[in-house]
């Protein structure tokens, strides 16, 4: 079945080009031109991925992303926007977004990122062990869940990717550039700042077990320490 994408973009020309080319690629695209219509469509339908502009009529993209994320922790959210300030990008990741593309961009880049997220969202972990012990937690990478007793937290795909990489390399300090290239595909300054946001989120999720720590080796990288 075709993967279903929710595209919320108010620029009619750009929206047409993106939607038309995604459909040529075989995706099932629902196009909305304002934030409220986007939220309404999300609530009524099931999607595999969301693409949101930030500057939208009626409801901005950040608010839309927060509302979507409050209902679905797993669905990948990609921001597609002309806003290029560092603060705007970091706010996008704080809302629960998985990636951020600044206009102008190439369609090939957009397609590549979409394919990566859709593949990660549906591929199964090849290891026999998918319920990974993490102190008092159980980390289920396949289903993007972090459990502690009766409490369960659903992770975004990128949060799970970062935690899995730290888990797999917990016997050593994982260099910043290794994490960035593995999860983000690049190691520039902005990507480094966004990675720090995700590390902070993971620390918050793990704070109820003091034996589990993501230790920062300043200027070098991170190491996951756990029993």
N, C-alpha and C. Protein backbone atom coordinates (compact mmCIF):
# COMPACT_ATOMS: atom_id res chain seq x y z
N UNK A 1 0.83 -1.19 0.00
CA UNK A 1 0.00 0.00 0.00
C UNK A 1 0.87 1.25 0.00
N UNK A 2 0.38 2.33 -0.62
CA UNK A 2 1.12 3.58 -0.66
C UNK A 2 1.26 4.17 0.73
N UNK A 3 2.43 4.73 1.02
CA UNK A 3 2.63 5.43 2.28
C UNK A 3 1.87 6.75 2.23
N UNK A 4 1.22 7.08 3.33
CA UNK A 4 0.38 8.28 3.36
C UNK A 4 1.12 9.42 4.03
N UNK A 5 1.18 10.55 3.35
CA UNK A 5 1.89 11.73 3.83
C UNK A 5 0.93 12.89 3.99
N UNK A 6 1.00 13.56 5.14
CA UNK A 6 0.24 14.78 5.37
C UNK A 6 1.16 15.97 5.11
N UNK A 7 0.85 16.74 4.08
CA UNK A 7 1.63 17.92 3.71
C UNK A 7 0.82 19.17 4.03
N UNK A 8 1.37 20.04 4.89
CA UNK A 8 0.69 21.29 5.24
C UNK A 8 1.60 22.44 4.81
N UNK A 9 1.22 23.10 3.73
CA UNK A 9 2.03 24.15 3.11
C UNK A 9 1.08 25.17 2.49
N UNK A 10 1.26 26.46 2.81
CA UNK A 10 0.32 27.48 2.33
C UNK A 10 0.76 28.16 1.04
N UNK A 11 1.99 27.93 0.60
CA UNK A 11 2.44 28.48 -0.68
C UNK A 11 1.89 27.59 -1.80
N UNK A 12 0.92 28.09 -2.59
CA UNK A 12 0.24 27.21 -3.56
C UNK A 12 1.17 26.61 -4.60
N UNK A 13 2.13 27.39 -5.08
CA UNK A 13 3.04 26.86 -6.11
C UNK A 13 3.93 25.77 -5.55
N UNK A 14 4.54 26.03 -4.40
CA UNK A 14 5.42 25.04 -3.78
C UNK A 14 4.63 23.80 -3.37
N UNK A 15 3.45 24.02 -2.79
CA UNK A 15 2.62 22.90 -2.36
C UNK A 15 2.28 21.99 -3.54
N UNK A 16 1.94 22.60 -4.68
CA UNK A 16 1.60 21.80 -5.87
C UNK A 16 2.80 20.99 -6.34
N UNK A 17 3.97 21.64 -6.39
CA UNK A 17 5.17 20.95 -6.89
C UNK A 17 5.52 19.77 -5.99
N UNK A 18 5.50 20.00 -4.66
CA UNK A 18 5.86 18.93 -3.73
C UNK A 18 4.85 17.79 -3.81
N UNK A 19 3.56 18.14 -3.71
CA UNK A 19 2.51 17.11 -3.72
C UNK A 19 2.53 16.32 -5.03
N UNK A 20 2.66 17.02 -6.14
CA UNK A 20 2.65 16.36 -7.45
C UNK A 20 3.82 15.40 -7.59
N UNK A 21 4.99 15.83 -7.18
CA UNK A 21 6.17 14.97 -7.30
C UNK A 21 6.14 13.80 -6.33
N UNK A 22 5.57 14.00 -5.14
CA UNK A 22 5.42 12.89 -4.20
C UNK A 22 4.45 11.85 -4.75
N UNK A 23 3.40 12.31 -5.38
CA UNK A 23 2.43 11.37 -5.98
C UNK A 23 3.05 10.60 -7.13
N UNK A 24 3.89 11.27 -7.92
CA UNK A 24 4.61 10.58 -8.99
C UNK A 24 5.50 9.48 -8.41
N UNK A 25 6.06 9.75 -7.22
CA UNK A 25 6.90 8.77 -6.54
C UNK A 25 6.08 7.62 -5.94
N UNK A 26 4.76 7.75 -5.95
CA UNK A 26 3.90 6.68 -5.45
C UNK A 26 3.32 6.90 -4.08
N UNK A 27 3.54 8.08 -3.50
CA UNK A 27 2.99 8.36 -2.17
C UNK A 27 1.54 8.85 -2.27
N UNK A 28 0.78 8.57 -1.24
CA UNK A 28 -0.59 9.05 -1.11
C UNK A 28 -0.54 10.34 -0.29
N UNK A 29 -0.75 11.49 -0.94
CA UNK A 29 -0.54 12.78 -0.30
C UNK A 29 -1.86 13.48 -0.01
N UNK A 30 -2.01 13.94 1.23
CA UNK A 30 -3.11 14.82 1.61
C UNK A 30 -2.53 16.21 1.82
N UNK A 31 -3.02 17.19 1.05
CA UNK A 31 -2.49 18.55 1.11
C UNK A 31 -3.46 19.47 1.84
N UNK A 32 -2.96 20.17 2.84
CA UNK A 32 -3.74 21.19 3.56
C UNK A 32 -2.97 22.50 3.49
N UNK A 33 -3.71 23.63 3.49
CA UNK A 33 -3.06 24.92 3.31
C UNK A 33 -3.07 25.79 4.56
N UNK A 34 -3.56 25.27 5.68
CA UNK A 34 -3.45 26.00 6.95
C UNK A 34 -3.36 25.00 8.09
N UNK A 35 -2.90 25.48 9.25
CA UNK A 35 -2.64 24.59 10.37
C UNK A 35 -3.87 23.91 10.93
N UNK A 36 -4.97 24.64 11.00
CA UNK A 36 -6.19 24.04 11.54
C UNK A 36 -6.69 22.91 10.64
N UNK A 37 -6.64 23.13 9.32
CA UNK A 37 -7.05 22.08 8.39
C UNK A 37 -6.12 20.87 8.50
N UNK A 38 -4.83 21.16 8.72
CA UNK A 38 -3.87 20.07 8.88
C UNK A 38 -4.16 19.23 10.10
N UNK A 39 -4.47 19.89 11.23
CA UNK A 39 -4.79 19.16 12.44
C UNK A 39 -6.07 18.34 12.28
N UNK A 40 -7.07 18.95 11.65
CA UNK A 40 -8.33 18.24 11.43
C UNK A 40 -8.13 17.00 10.58
N UNK A 41 -7.32 17.13 9.52
CA UNK A 41 -7.05 15.98 8.65
C UNK A 41 -6.29 14.89 9.40
N UNK A 42 -5.33 15.30 10.25
CA UNK A 42 -4.56 14.33 11.03
C UNK A 42 -5.47 13.54 11.97
N UNK A 43 -6.43 14.21 12.58
CA UNK A 43 -7.32 13.55 13.53
C UNK A 43 -8.28 12.58 12.85
N UNK A 44 -8.56 12.82 11.58
CA UNK A 44 -9.56 12.01 10.87
C UNK A 44 -8.93 10.86 10.07
N UNK A 45 -7.62 10.92 9.85
CA UNK A 45 -6.98 9.94 8.99
C UNK A 45 -5.72 9.38 9.64
N UNK A 46 -5.18 8.34 9.03
CA UNK A 46 -3.94 7.73 9.49
C UNK A 46 -2.84 8.04 8.49
N UNK A 47 -1.70 8.55 8.99
CA UNK A 47 -0.59 8.92 8.12
C UNK A 47 0.69 8.22 8.55
N UNK A 48 1.62 8.13 7.61
CA UNK A 48 2.94 7.55 7.90
C UNK A 48 4.00 8.61 8.16
N UNK A 49 3.75 9.85 7.70
CA UNK A 49 4.74 10.92 7.87
C UNK A 49 4.05 12.26 7.67
N UNK A 50 4.54 13.28 8.39
CA UNK A 50 4.00 14.64 8.27
C UNK A 50 5.08 15.59 7.79
N UNK A 51 4.71 16.51 6.89
CA UNK A 51 5.59 17.58 6.44
C UNK A 51 4.86 18.90 6.70
N UNK A 52 5.43 19.75 7.57
CA UNK A 52 4.78 20.99 7.95
C UNK A 52 5.66 22.19 7.63
N UNK A 53 5.03 23.24 7.07
CA UNK A 53 5.67 24.55 7.04
C UNK A 53 5.52 25.15 8.43
N UNK A 54 6.33 26.15 8.75
CA UNK A 54 6.23 26.80 10.06
C UNK A 54 5.24 27.97 10.01
N UNK A 55 5.39 28.86 9.02
CA UNK A 55 4.55 30.04 8.91
C UNK A 55 3.26 29.68 8.18
N UNK A 56 2.28 29.23 8.95
CA UNK A 56 1.00 28.80 8.39
C UNK A 56 -0.14 29.69 8.89
N UNK A 57 -1.18 29.88 8.08
CA UNK A 57 -2.36 30.61 8.56
C UNK A 57 -3.11 29.79 9.62
N UNK A 58 -3.81 30.50 10.51
CA UNK A 58 -4.73 29.93 11.50
C UNK A 58 -4.04 29.19 12.64
N UNK A 59 -3.01 28.41 12.34
CA UNK A 59 -2.24 27.72 13.37
C UNK A 59 -0.83 27.49 12.84
N UNK A 60 0.19 28.00 13.56
CA UNK A 60 1.56 27.87 13.05
C UNK A 60 2.03 26.42 13.13
N UNK A 61 3.10 26.13 12.39
CA UNK A 61 3.59 24.77 12.30
C UNK A 61 4.10 24.21 13.61
N UNK A 62 4.68 25.06 14.48
CA UNK A 62 5.16 24.59 15.78
C UNK A 62 3.99 24.09 16.63
N UNK A 63 2.92 24.86 16.67
CA UNK A 63 1.73 24.46 17.44
C UNK A 63 1.12 23.20 16.86
N UNK A 64 1.05 23.13 15.55
CA UNK A 64 0.51 21.94 14.88
C UNK A 64 1.34 20.71 15.24
N UNK A 65 2.67 20.85 15.21
CA UNK A 65 3.55 19.72 15.54
C UNK A 65 3.35 19.28 16.99
N UNK A 66 3.22 20.24 17.91
CA UNK A 66 2.99 19.87 19.31
C UNK A 66 1.68 19.10 19.47
N UNK A 67 0.65 19.56 18.77
CA UNK A 67 -0.65 18.89 18.88
C UNK A 67 -0.60 17.48 18.29
N UNK A 68 0.10 17.34 17.18
CA UNK A 68 0.25 16.02 16.57
C UNK A 68 1.07 15.11 17.48
N UNK A 69 2.16 15.65 18.01
CA UNK A 69 3.05 14.84 18.85
C UNK A 69 2.36 14.41 20.14
N UNK A 70 1.43 15.23 20.65
CA UNK A 70 0.72 14.86 21.88
C UNK A 70 -0.19 13.66 21.67
N UNK A 71 -0.54 13.41 20.41
CA UNK A 71 -1.42 12.28 20.08
C UNK A 71 -0.68 11.09 19.49
N UNK A 72 0.48 11.35 18.91
CA UNK A 72 1.24 10.28 18.25
C UNK A 72 2.73 10.56 18.41
N UNK A 73 3.41 9.77 19.26
CA UNK A 73 4.83 9.97 19.52
C UNK A 73 5.70 9.38 18.42
N UNK A 74 5.15 8.50 17.61
CA UNK A 74 5.98 7.77 16.66
C UNK A 74 6.08 8.41 15.29
N UNK A 75 5.03 9.05 14.83
CA UNK A 75 5.01 9.51 13.44
C UNK A 75 6.13 10.52 13.17
N UNK A 76 6.92 10.32 12.11
CA UNK A 76 7.98 11.29 11.79
C UNK A 76 7.38 12.63 11.36
N UNK A 77 7.96 13.72 11.87
CA UNK A 77 7.53 15.07 11.52
C UNK A 77 8.72 15.81 10.93
N UNK A 78 8.54 16.32 9.72
CA UNK A 78 9.59 17.04 9.00
C UNK A 78 9.14 18.47 8.77
N UNK A 79 9.93 19.44 9.23
CA UNK A 79 9.63 20.84 8.97
C UNK A 79 10.26 21.28 7.66
N UNK A 80 9.48 22.03 6.90
CA UNK A 80 9.90 22.53 5.59
C UNK A 80 9.60 24.02 5.59
N UNK A 81 10.64 24.85 5.78
CA UNK A 81 10.34 26.25 6.06
C UNK A 81 11.45 27.19 5.63
N UNK A 82 11.09 28.45 5.47
CA UNK A 82 12.05 29.49 5.12
C UNK A 82 12.73 30.04 6.36
N UNK A 83 12.25 29.70 7.55
CA UNK A 83 12.84 30.23 8.78
C UNK A 83 14.18 29.53 9.03
N UNK A 84 15.24 30.31 9.08
CA UNK A 84 16.57 29.72 9.17
C UNK A 84 17.31 30.10 10.45
N UNK A 85 16.68 30.88 11.34
CA UNK A 85 17.35 31.25 12.58
C UNK A 85 17.57 30.02 13.45
N UNK A 86 18.71 29.99 14.15
CA UNK A 86 19.03 28.86 15.02
C UNK A 86 17.94 28.62 16.04
N UNK A 87 17.40 29.71 16.64
CA UNK A 87 16.37 29.56 17.67
C UNK A 87 15.13 28.89 17.10
N UNK A 88 14.77 29.23 15.85
CA UNK A 88 13.60 28.63 15.23
C UNK A 88 13.80 27.14 15.00
N UNK A 89 15.00 26.77 14.57
CA UNK A 89 15.28 25.36 14.32
C UNK A 89 15.25 24.57 15.62
N UNK A 90 15.85 25.11 16.67
CA UNK A 90 15.85 24.42 17.95
C UNK A 90 14.44 24.30 18.50
N UNK A 91 13.62 25.34 18.32
CA UNK A 91 12.23 25.24 18.77
C UNK A 91 11.50 24.13 18.02
N UNK A 92 11.83 24.00 16.73
CA UNK A 92 11.22 22.92 15.96
C UNK A 92 11.52 21.56 16.54
N UNK A 93 12.76 21.33 16.95
CA UNK A 93 13.11 20.04 17.55
C UNK A 93 12.48 19.90 18.93
N UNK A 94 12.33 21.01 19.66
CA UNK A 94 11.70 20.94 20.98
C UNK A 94 10.24 20.53 20.87
N UNK A 95 9.58 20.86 19.77
CA UNK A 95 8.18 20.47 19.60
C UNK A 95 8.02 18.98 19.32
N UNK A 96 9.13 18.30 19.00
CA UNK A 96 9.06 16.88 18.70
C UNK A 96 9.32 16.56 17.25
N UNK A 97 9.76 17.56 16.47
CA UNK A 97 10.08 17.32 15.07
C UNK A 97 11.30 16.42 14.94
N UNK A 98 11.37 15.69 13.85
CA UNK A 98 12.49 14.78 13.61
C UNK A 98 13.54 15.37 12.68
N UNK A 99 13.14 16.29 11.83
CA UNK A 99 14.11 16.88 10.90
C UNK A 99 13.59 18.23 10.41
N UNK A 100 14.46 18.96 9.71
CA UNK A 100 14.21 20.35 9.38
C UNK A 100 14.92 20.65 8.07
N UNK A 101 14.20 21.06 7.04
CA UNK A 101 14.80 21.45 5.78
C UNK A 101 14.47 22.91 5.52
N UNK A 102 15.49 23.71 5.23
CA UNK A 102 15.31 25.14 5.00
C UNK A 102 15.16 25.43 3.51
N UNK A 103 14.14 26.20 3.15
CA UNK A 103 13.96 26.63 1.77
C UNK A 103 15.04 27.65 1.39
N UNK A 104 15.52 27.63 0.15
CA UNK A 104 15.20 26.69 -0.93
C UNK A 104 15.91 25.35 -0.73
N UNK A 105 15.34 24.31 -1.27
CA UNK A 105 15.88 22.96 -1.13
C UNK A 105 15.65 22.21 -2.43
N UNK A 106 16.33 21.11 -2.58
CA UNK A 106 16.12 20.29 -3.76
C UNK A 106 15.11 19.20 -3.45
N UNK A 107 14.32 18.84 -4.43
CA UNK A 107 13.34 17.76 -4.25
C UNK A 107 14.04 16.44 -3.96
N UNK A 108 15.21 16.24 -4.56
CA UNK A 108 15.95 15.00 -4.31
C UNK A 108 16.32 14.88 -2.83
N UNK A 109 16.72 16.01 -2.21
CA UNK A 109 17.04 15.99 -0.79
C UNK A 109 15.81 15.66 0.04
N UNK A 110 14.68 16.27 -0.32
CA UNK A 110 13.44 16.00 0.40
C UNK A 110 13.05 14.53 0.28
N UNK A 111 13.09 14.00 -0.93
CA UNK A 111 12.72 12.60 -1.14
C UNK A 111 13.63 11.66 -0.36
N UNK A 112 14.92 11.98 -0.34
CA UNK A 112 15.88 11.14 0.37
C UNK A 112 15.57 11.10 1.86
N UNK A 113 15.27 12.24 2.45
CA UNK A 113 14.97 12.28 3.88
C UNK A 113 13.66 11.57 4.19
N UNK A 114 12.67 11.74 3.33
CA UNK A 114 11.39 11.06 3.52
C UNK A 114 11.60 9.55 3.51
N UNK A 115 12.34 9.06 2.54
CA UNK A 115 12.57 7.62 2.42
C UNK A 115 13.31 7.06 3.63
N UNK A 116 14.27 7.83 4.15
CA UNK A 116 15.00 7.39 5.34
C UNK A 116 14.06 7.23 6.52
N UNK A 117 13.19 8.23 6.74
CA UNK A 117 12.28 8.17 7.88
C UNK A 117 11.26 7.06 7.74
N UNK A 118 10.72 6.88 6.55
CA UNK A 118 9.73 5.83 6.36
C UNK A 118 10.36 4.45 6.50
N UNK A 119 11.58 4.31 6.04
CA UNK A 119 12.26 3.02 6.19
C UNK A 119 12.55 2.74 7.65
N UNK A 120 13.03 3.73 8.39
CA UNK A 120 13.33 3.54 9.81
C UNK A 120 12.07 3.25 10.61
N UNK A 121 10.97 3.86 10.21
CA UNK A 121 9.73 3.70 10.97
C UNK A 121 9.14 2.30 10.85
N UNK A 122 9.51 1.58 9.79
CA UNK A 122 8.85 0.30 9.55
C UNK A 122 9.78 -0.90 9.52
N UNK A 123 11.08 -0.67 9.46
CA UNK A 123 11.98 -1.83 9.43
C UNK A 123 12.06 -2.45 10.82
N UNK A 124 12.27 -3.73 10.86
CA UNK A 124 12.39 -4.44 12.12
C UNK A 124 13.85 -4.56 12.52
N UNK A 125 14.11 -4.55 13.81
CA UNK A 125 15.47 -4.74 14.30
C UNK A 125 15.90 -6.17 14.00
N UNK A 126 17.10 -6.33 13.45
CA UNK A 126 17.55 -7.65 13.03
C UNK A 126 18.12 -8.47 14.19
N UNK A 127 18.47 -7.80 15.30
CA UNK A 127 19.00 -8.52 16.44
C UNK A 127 17.92 -9.40 17.06
N UNK A 128 18.31 -10.53 17.63
CA UNK A 128 17.35 -11.37 18.32
C UNK A 128 16.81 -10.67 19.56
N UNK A 129 17.65 -9.87 20.21
CA UNK A 129 17.25 -9.20 21.44
C UNK A 129 16.70 -7.82 21.10
N UNK A 130 15.39 -7.64 21.25
CA UNK A 130 14.78 -6.34 20.97
C UNK A 130 14.31 -5.66 22.25
N UNK A 131 14.22 -6.39 23.35
CA UNK A 131 13.87 -5.82 24.64
C UNK A 131 15.18 -5.59 25.40
N UNK A 132 15.73 -4.41 25.30
CA UNK A 132 17.07 -4.13 25.80
C UNK A 132 17.02 -3.64 27.24
N UNK A 133 17.71 -4.31 28.18
CA UNK A 133 17.72 -3.87 29.58
C UNK A 133 18.57 -2.62 29.73
N UNK A 134 18.04 -1.65 30.45
CA UNK A 134 18.72 -0.38 30.64
C UNK A 134 18.45 0.08 32.07
N UNK A 135 19.25 -0.44 33.02
CA UNK A 135 18.98 -0.17 34.43
C UNK A 135 17.62 -0.72 34.82
N UNK A 136 16.78 0.14 35.37
CA UNK A 136 15.41 -0.26 35.72
C UNK A 136 14.44 -0.15 34.54
N UNK A 137 14.97 0.22 33.39
CA UNK A 137 14.14 0.40 32.20
C UNK A 137 14.28 -0.79 31.25
N UNK A 138 13.29 -0.93 30.39
CA UNK A 138 13.38 -1.83 29.24
C UNK A 138 13.23 -0.96 28.00
N UNK A 139 14.23 -0.99 27.15
CA UNK A 139 14.22 -0.18 25.93
C UNK A 139 13.83 -1.07 24.75
N UNK A 140 12.65 -0.81 24.19
CA UNK A 140 12.13 -1.57 23.05
C UNK A 140 12.34 -0.70 21.80
N UNK A 141 13.47 -0.90 21.14
CA UNK A 141 13.80 -0.06 19.99
C UNK A 141 12.83 -0.29 18.83
N UNK A 142 12.44 -1.52 18.61
CA UNK A 142 11.56 -1.84 17.49
C UNK A 142 10.26 -1.06 17.57
N UNK A 143 9.69 -0.99 18.77
CA UNK A 143 8.40 -0.33 18.96
C UNK A 143 8.52 1.07 19.56
N UNK A 144 9.76 1.56 19.67
CA UNK A 144 10.02 2.93 20.13
C UNK A 144 9.44 3.19 21.52
N UNK A 145 9.71 2.26 22.44
CA UNK A 145 9.16 2.41 23.79
C UNK A 145 10.25 2.27 24.84
N UNK A 146 10.10 3.04 25.91
CA UNK A 146 10.98 2.97 27.07
C UNK A 146 10.09 2.73 28.28
N UNK A 147 10.23 1.54 28.89
CA UNK A 147 9.34 1.15 29.99
C UNK A 147 10.08 1.08 31.31
N UNK A 148 9.39 1.50 32.37
CA UNK A 148 9.90 1.33 33.73
C UNK A 148 8.71 0.94 34.60
N UNK A 149 8.70 -0.34 35.00
CA UNK A 149 7.56 -0.89 35.75
C UNK A 149 6.28 -0.68 34.95
N UNK A 150 5.30 0.02 35.50
CA UNK A 150 4.03 0.21 34.80
C UNK A 150 4.03 1.48 33.94
N UNK A 151 5.13 2.23 33.97
CA UNK A 151 5.21 3.47 33.21
C UNK A 151 5.87 3.21 31.86
N UNK A 152 5.29 3.80 30.83
CA UNK A 152 5.83 3.61 29.48
C UNK A 152 5.90 4.95 28.76
N UNK A 153 7.04 5.20 28.12
CA UNK A 153 7.25 6.40 27.33
C UNK A 153 7.48 6.00 25.89
N UNK A 154 6.71 6.62 24.98
CA UNK A 154 6.91 6.38 23.56
C UNK A 154 7.88 7.40 23.02
N UNK A 155 8.93 6.93 22.36
CA UNK A 155 9.97 7.79 21.81
C UNK A 155 9.68 8.14 20.36
N UNK A 156 10.23 9.25 19.91
CA UNK A 156 10.23 9.52 18.48
C UNK A 156 11.30 8.63 17.84
N UNK A 157 11.25 8.51 16.53
CA UNK A 157 12.23 7.66 15.84
C UNK A 157 13.65 8.15 16.09
N UNK A 158 13.85 9.45 16.02
CA UNK A 158 15.21 9.97 16.18
C UNK A 158 15.69 9.82 17.62
N UNK A 159 14.81 10.01 18.61
CA UNK A 159 15.18 9.76 20.00
C UNK A 159 15.63 8.32 20.19
N UNK A 160 14.87 7.40 19.59
CA UNK A 160 15.21 5.98 19.70
C UNK A 160 16.52 5.67 18.98
N UNK A 161 16.76 6.31 17.86
CA UNK A 161 18.00 6.08 17.11
C UNK A 161 19.22 6.52 17.93
N UNK A 162 19.10 7.68 18.58
CA UNK A 162 20.22 8.18 19.40
C UNK A 162 20.46 7.25 20.58
N UNK A 163 19.39 6.85 21.27
CA UNK A 163 19.54 5.99 22.44
C UNK A 163 20.10 4.62 22.05
N UNK A 164 19.66 4.08 20.92
CA UNK A 164 20.16 2.78 20.46
C UNK A 164 21.65 2.87 20.13
N UNK A 165 22.06 3.95 19.51
CA UNK A 165 23.47 4.11 19.18
C UNK A 165 24.32 4.20 20.45
N UNK A 166 23.84 4.94 21.44
CA UNK A 166 24.55 5.03 22.72
C UNK A 166 24.59 3.67 23.41
N UNK A 167 23.46 2.95 23.35
CA UNK A 167 23.39 1.63 23.99
C UNK A 167 24.37 0.65 23.35
N UNK A 168 24.41 0.65 22.04
CA UNK A 168 25.29 -0.28 21.33
C UNK A 168 26.77 0.02 21.56
N UNK A 169 27.08 1.26 21.97
CA UNK A 169 28.47 1.67 22.17
C UNK A 169 28.74 2.06 23.62
N UNK A 170 28.00 1.45 24.57
CA UNK A 170 28.08 1.88 25.97
C UNK A 170 29.40 1.53 26.64
N UNK A 171 30.23 0.75 25.96
CA UNK A 171 31.54 0.40 26.52
C UNK A 171 32.61 1.44 26.19
N UNK A 172 32.23 2.53 25.52
CA UNK A 172 33.21 3.53 25.14
C UNK A 172 32.56 4.91 25.02
N UNK A 173 33.40 5.94 24.91
CA UNK A 173 32.90 7.29 24.64
C UNK A 173 32.59 7.40 23.16
N UNK A 174 31.35 7.72 22.85
CA UNK A 174 30.94 7.86 21.46
C UNK A 174 31.14 9.31 21.04
N UNK A 175 31.97 9.54 20.07
CA UNK A 175 32.31 10.90 19.66
C UNK A 175 31.10 11.61 19.05
N UNK A 176 31.06 12.91 19.25
CA UNK A 176 29.94 13.72 18.75
C UNK A 176 29.75 13.53 17.24
N UNK A 177 30.87 13.56 16.51
CA UNK A 177 30.75 13.45 15.05
C UNK A 177 30.25 12.07 14.63
N UNK A 178 30.52 11.04 15.41
CA UNK A 178 30.01 9.71 15.10
C UNK A 178 28.48 9.68 15.22
N UNK A 179 27.97 10.29 16.29
CA UNK A 179 26.51 10.33 16.48
C UNK A 179 25.86 11.14 15.37
N UNK A 180 26.44 12.30 15.08
CA UNK A 180 25.85 13.19 14.09
C UNK A 180 25.82 12.54 12.70
N UNK A 181 26.91 11.93 12.30
CA UNK A 181 26.94 11.33 10.97
C UNK A 181 26.05 10.09 10.88
N UNK A 182 25.94 9.36 11.98
CA UNK A 182 25.13 8.15 11.97
C UNK A 182 23.64 8.46 11.98
N UNK A 183 23.22 9.44 12.79
CA UNK A 183 21.79 9.72 12.97
C UNK A 183 21.31 10.86 12.10
N UNK A 184 22.13 11.92 11.98
CA UNK A 184 21.72 13.10 11.21
C UNK A 184 22.33 13.14 9.81
N UNK A 185 23.38 12.39 9.59
CA UNK A 185 24.01 12.37 8.27
C UNK A 185 24.96 13.52 8.03
N UNK A 186 25.20 14.36 9.05
CA UNK A 186 26.11 15.49 8.91
C UNK A 186 26.61 15.87 10.29
N UNK A 187 27.67 16.68 10.35
CA UNK A 187 28.20 17.05 11.66
C UNK A 187 28.46 18.56 11.76
N UNK A 188 27.59 19.38 11.13
CA UNK A 188 27.79 20.82 11.20
C UNK A 188 27.32 21.37 12.55
N UNK A 189 27.51 22.66 12.75
CA UNK A 189 27.22 23.29 14.04
C UNK A 189 25.75 23.16 14.42
N UNK A 190 24.85 23.43 13.47
CA UNK A 190 23.42 23.35 13.78
C UNK A 190 23.01 21.94 14.18
N UNK A 191 23.49 20.94 13.44
CA UNK A 191 23.15 19.57 13.78
C UNK A 191 23.66 19.22 15.18
N UNK A 192 24.83 19.76 15.54
CA UNK A 192 25.35 19.53 16.88
C UNK A 192 24.45 20.11 17.95
N UNK A 193 23.91 21.30 17.71
CA UNK A 193 22.99 21.90 18.66
C UNK A 193 21.70 21.09 18.78
N UNK A 194 21.20 20.61 17.65
CA UNK A 194 19.98 19.81 17.70
C UNK A 194 20.22 18.48 18.41
N UNK A 195 21.40 17.90 18.25
CA UNK A 195 21.73 16.67 18.96
C UNK A 195 21.69 16.89 20.47
N UNK A 196 22.19 18.03 20.91
CA UNK A 196 22.18 18.35 22.35
C UNK A 196 20.76 18.40 22.89
N UNK A 197 19.82 18.87 22.07
CA UNK A 197 18.42 18.89 22.47
C UNK A 197 17.92 17.47 22.71
N UNK A 198 18.27 16.55 21.80
CA UNK A 198 17.82 15.17 21.94
C UNK A 198 18.48 14.48 23.13
N UNK A 199 19.75 14.77 23.38
CA UNK A 199 20.42 14.20 24.56
C UNK A 199 19.73 14.68 25.83
N UNK A 200 19.38 15.95 25.89
CA UNK A 200 18.68 16.50 27.07
C UNK A 200 17.34 15.80 27.28
N UNK A 201 16.63 15.54 26.20
CA UNK A 201 15.34 14.84 26.32
C UNK A 201 15.54 13.43 26.86
N UNK A 202 16.54 12.72 26.35
CA UNK A 202 16.79 11.35 26.80
C UNK A 202 17.18 11.33 28.28
N UNK A 203 17.98 12.30 28.71
CA UNK A 203 18.33 12.38 30.13
C UNK A 203 17.09 12.57 30.98
N UNK A 204 16.16 13.37 30.51
CA UNK A 204 14.92 13.59 31.23
C UNK A 204 14.12 12.30 31.35
N UNK A 205 14.07 11.53 30.26
CA UNK A 205 13.32 10.28 30.27
C UNK A 205 13.93 9.26 31.23
N UNK A 206 15.25 9.33 31.42
CA UNK A 206 15.98 8.34 32.21
C UNK A 206 16.26 8.79 33.64
N UNK A 207 15.74 9.92 34.03
CA UNK A 207 16.16 10.53 35.30
C UNK A 207 15.67 9.77 36.53
N UNK A 208 14.67 8.89 36.39
CA UNK A 208 14.15 8.17 37.55
C UNK A 208 15.05 7.03 38.01
N UNK A 209 16.08 6.73 37.25
CA UNK A 209 17.05 5.71 37.65
C UNK A 209 18.43 6.35 37.61
N UNK A 210 18.96 6.69 38.79
CA UNK A 210 20.24 7.40 38.86
C UNK A 210 21.43 6.54 38.44
N UNK A 211 21.22 5.23 38.30
CA UNK A 211 22.32 4.36 37.85
C UNK A 211 22.51 4.44 36.34
N UNK A 212 21.55 5.07 35.65
CA UNK A 212 21.65 5.24 34.19
C UNK A 212 22.00 6.69 33.91
N UNK A 213 23.12 6.91 33.28
CA UNK A 213 23.58 8.27 33.02
C UNK A 213 24.11 8.39 31.59
N UNK A 214 23.77 9.50 30.94
CA UNK A 214 24.43 9.85 29.68
C UNK A 214 25.46 10.91 30.03
N UNK A 215 26.71 10.48 30.11
CA UNK A 215 27.80 11.34 30.58
C UNK A 215 28.37 12.13 29.42
N UNK A 216 28.52 13.44 29.63
CA UNK A 216 29.08 14.32 28.61
C UNK A 216 30.59 14.47 28.83
N UNK A 217 31.37 14.09 27.84
CA UNK A 217 32.80 14.33 27.85
C UNK A 217 33.03 15.58 27.01
N UNK A 218 33.20 16.71 27.67
CA UNK A 218 33.16 18.01 27.04
C UNK A 218 34.08 18.09 25.82
N UNK A 219 33.48 18.48 24.69
CA UNK A 219 34.23 18.63 23.46
C UNK A 219 34.57 17.34 22.76
N UNK A 220 34.19 16.22 23.36
CA UNK A 220 34.54 14.92 22.78
C UNK A 220 33.30 14.15 22.36
N UNK A 221 32.42 13.86 23.33
CA UNK A 221 31.24 13.08 23.01
C UNK A 221 30.49 12.64 24.25
N UNK A 222 29.80 11.50 24.15
CA UNK A 222 28.94 11.02 25.21
C UNK A 222 29.15 9.53 25.42
N UNK A 223 28.89 9.11 26.66
CA UNK A 223 28.92 7.69 26.98
C UNK A 223 27.71 7.34 27.82
N UNK A 224 27.02 6.27 27.45
CA UNK A 224 25.89 5.78 28.23
C UNK A 224 26.42 4.83 29.30
N UNK A 225 26.22 5.18 30.56
CA UNK A 225 26.63 4.34 31.68
C UNK A 225 25.40 3.75 32.33
N UNK A 226 25.36 2.43 32.43
CA UNK A 226 24.21 1.76 33.04
C UNK A 226 24.66 0.41 33.59
N UNK A 227 23.91 -0.13 34.56
CA UNK A 227 24.27 -1.43 35.13
C UNK A 227 24.22 -2.53 34.09
